[in-house]
Amino acid sequence: MKAIWKGTVLAESNDTIVVEGNHYFPAGSLVMGHFRPSETHSRCPWKGTASYHDVVVGSETNKDAAWFYPEPSEKAANIKDRVAFWKGVSVIV
């Protein structure tokens, strides 16, 4: 699987976990030069508190386009150290 935005590969892995239709990539598969920490957080009733990264490609920023659960609940332990995408980021085979 590949996560792509603006023609740029953000992450690539054969080891994604699908939860609620979203592919969670291993953190080690991210091209870290395209990510900037965000102050945004949200809460999922069963996964816990999510943190976000802005995705940066060239001079363009996709605010909060990547999210992860630094300390997921026990029910979501399988997505610890994994990142998912939205906001126009394509996830393809």
C-alpha atoms as a PDB file:
ATOM      1  CA  MET A   1       0.000   0.000   0.000  1.00  0.00           C
ATOM      2  CA  LYS A   2       1.067   3.570  -0.670  1.00  0.00           C
ATOM      3  CA  ALA A   3      -0.194   6.857   0.749  1.00  0.00           C
ATOM      4  CA  ILE A   4       0.166   9.592  -1.884  1.00  0.00           C
ATOM      5  CA  TRP A   5      -0.594  13.304  -1.929  1.00  0.00           C
ATOM      6  CA  LYS A   6       0.258  15.744  -4.740  1.00  0.00           C
ATOM      7  CA  GLY A   7       2.028  12.887  -6.566  1.00  0.00           C
ATOM      8  CA  THR A   8       4.397  12.288  -3.650  1.00  0.00           C
ATOM      9  CA  VAL A   9       4.653   9.012  -1.721  1.00  0.00           C
ATOM     10  CA  LEU A  10       4.173   9.743   1.995  1.00  0.00           C
ATOM     11  CA  ALA A  11       4.273   6.142   3.217  1.00  0.00           C
ATOM     12  CA  GLU A  12       4.649   2.680   1.705  1.00  0.00           C
ATOM     13  CA  SER A  13       4.151  -0.708   3.353  1.00  0.00           C
ATOM     14  CA  ASN A  14       2.807  -4.210   2.788  1.00  0.00           C
ATOM     15  CA  ASP A  15       1.885  -4.249   6.477  1.00  0.00           C
ATOM     16  CA  THR A  16      -1.126  -1.989   6.942  1.00  0.00           C
ATOM     17  CA  ILE A  17      -3.976  -2.633   9.359  1.00  0.00           C
ATOM     18  CA  VAL A  18      -7.470  -1.630   8.227  1.00  0.00           C
ATOM     19  CA  VAL A  19      -9.749  -0.158  10.905  1.00  0.00           C
ATOM     20  CA  GLU A  20     -13.066   1.449   9.976  1.00  0.00           C
ATOM     21  CA  GLY A  21     -11.980   1.531   6.322  1.00  0.00           C
ATOM     22  CA  ASN A  22      -8.699   3.348   7.020  1.00  0.00           C
ATOM     23  CA  HIS A  23      -5.278   1.831   6.370  1.00  0.00           C
ATOM     24  CA  TYR A  24      -2.921   2.360   9.308  1.00  0.00           C
ATOM     25  CA  PHE A  25       0.697   2.357   8.137  1.00  0.00           C
ATOM     26  CA  PRO A  26       3.624   1.457  10.407  1.00  0.00           C
ATOM     27  CA  ALA A  27       5.252   4.670  11.647  1.00  0.00           C
ATOM     28  CA  GLY A  28       8.577   3.446  10.248  1.00  0.00           C
ATOM     29  CA  SER A  29       7.151   3.442   6.715  1.00  0.00           C
ATOM     30  CA  LEU A  30       6.557   7.214   6.663  1.00  0.00           C
ATOM     31  CA  VAL A  31       8.801   9.548   4.677  1.00  0.00           C
ATOM     32  CA  MET A  32       9.327  11.811   7.690  1.00  0.00           C
ATOM     33  CA  GLY A  33      10.383  14.865   5.686  1.00  0.00           C
ATOM     34  CA  HIS A  34       6.731  15.272   4.650  1.00  0.00           C
ATOM     35  CA  PHE A  35       5.276  15.436   8.173  1.00  0.00           C
ATOM     36  CA  ARG A  36       5.027  18.262  10.672  1.00  0.00           C
ATOM     37  CA  PRO A  37       3.508  17.854  14.150  1.00  0.00           C
ATOM     38  CA  SER A  38       0.122  19.492  14.679  1.00  0.00           C
ATOM     39  CA  GLU A  39      -1.479  20.708  17.893  1.00  0.00           C
ATOM     40  CA  THR A  40      -4.794  19.102  16.892  1.00  0.00           C
ATOM     41  CA  HIS A  41      -6.294  16.256  18.935  1.00  0.00           C
ATOM     42  CA  SER A  42      -9.605  14.433  18.765  1.00  0.00           C
ATOM     43  CA  ARG A  43     -11.249  11.706  20.787  1.00  0.00           C
ATOM     44  CA  CYS A  44     -12.685   8.403  19.555  1.00  0.00           C
ATOM     45  CA  PRO A  45     -14.949   6.601  22.035  1.00  0.00           C
ATOM     46  CA  TRP A  46     -13.240   3.253  21.510  1.00  0.00           C
ATOM     47  CA  LYS A  47      -9.745   4.035  20.168  1.00  0.00           C
ATOM     48  CA  GLY A  48      -8.783   6.911  22.475  1.00  0.00           C
ATOM     49  CA  THR A  49      -7.220  10.311  21.798  1.00  0.00           C
ATOM     50  CA  ALA A  50      -5.782  10.916  18.333  1.00  0.00           C
ATOM     51  CA  SER A  51      -2.922  13.251  17.494  1.00  0.00           C
ATOM     52  CA  TYR A  52      -2.297  14.705  14.042  1.00  0.00           C
ATOM     53  CA  HIS A  53       0.448  15.642  11.610  1.00  0.00           C
ATOM     54  CA  ASP A  54       0.264  18.168   8.817  1.00  0.00           C
ATOM     55  CA  VAL A  55       1.420  16.729   5.492  1.00  0.00           C
ATOM     56  CA  VAL A  56       3.869  18.954   3.598  1.00  0.00           C
ATOM     57  CA  VAL A  57       4.808  18.544  -0.062  1.00  0.00           C
ATOM     58  CA  GLY A  58       6.889  21.333  -1.531  1.00  0.00           C
ATOM     59  CA  SER A  59       5.275  24.614  -0.492  1.00  0.00           C
ATOM     60  CA  GLU A  60       1.837  23.052   0.105  1.00  0.00           C
ATOM     61  CA  THR A  61       0.481  21.941   3.476  1.00  0.00           C
ATOM     62  CA  ASN A  62      -2.435  19.589   4.060  1.00  0.00           C
ATOM     63  CA  LYS A  63      -3.409  20.450   7.656  1.00  0.00           C
ATOM     64  CA  ASP A  64      -4.038  17.469   9.937  1.00  0.00           C
ATOM     65  CA  ALA A  65      -4.072  15.000   7.025  1.00  0.00           C
ATOM     66  CA  ALA A  66      -2.408  12.218   9.038  1.00  0.00           C
ATOM     67  CA  TRP A  67      -3.492  10.909  12.418  1.00  0.00           C
ATOM     68  CA  PHE A  68      -2.330   8.396  14.974  1.00  0.00           C
ATOM     69  CA  TYR A  69      -3.095   7.197  18.501  1.00  0.00           C
ATOM     70  CA  PRO A  70      -0.017   7.594  20.731  1.00  0.00           C
ATOM     71  CA  GLU A  71      -1.706   5.626  23.518  1.00  0.00           C
ATOM     72  CA  PRO A  72      -4.638   3.721  21.998  1.00  0.00           C
ATOM     73  CA  SER A  73      -7.138   1.909  24.171  1.00  0.00           C
ATOM     74  CA  GLU A  74      -6.741  -1.836  24.722  1.00  0.00           C
ATOM     75  CA  LYS A  75      -9.388  -2.447  22.057  1.00  0.00           C
ATOM     76  CA  ALA A  76      -7.253  -0.555  19.530  1.00  0.00           C
ATOM     77  CA  ALA A  77      -3.813  -1.748  20.653  1.00  0.00           C
ATOM     78  CA  ASN A  78      -3.125  -3.107  17.153  1.00  0.00           C
ATOM     79  CA  ILE A  79      -2.827   0.441  15.748  1.00  0.00           C
ATOM     80  CA  LYS A  80      -0.175   1.619  18.218  1.00  0.00           C
ATOM     81  CA  ASP A  81       2.764   3.161  16.324  1.00  0.00           C
ATOM     82  CA  ARG A  82       0.688   3.398  13.135  1.00  0.00           C
ATOM     83  CA  VAL A  83      -0.568   6.335  11.061  1.00  0.00           C
ATOM     84  CA  ALA A  84      -3.675   6.781   8.886  1.00  0.00           C
ATOM     85  CA  PHE A  85      -4.578   9.435   6.308  1.00  0.00           C
ATOM     86  CA  TRP A  86      -7.489  11.486   4.979  1.00  0.00           C
ATOM     87  CA  LYS A  87      -8.124  14.949   3.439  1.00  0.00           C
ATOM     88  CA  GLY A  88      -7.261  13.998  -0.120  1.00  0.00           C
ATOM     89  CA  VAL A  89      -4.386  11.626   0.608  1.00  0.00           C
ATOM     90  CA  SER A  90      -4.873   8.606  -1.669  1.00  0.00           C
ATOM     91  CA  VAL A  91      -4.176   5.131  -0.333  1.00  0.00           C
ATOM     92  CA  ILE A  92      -3.558   2.729  -3.211  1.00  0.00           C
ATOM     93  CA  VAL A  93      -2.178  -0.743  -3.852  1.00  0.00           C
END
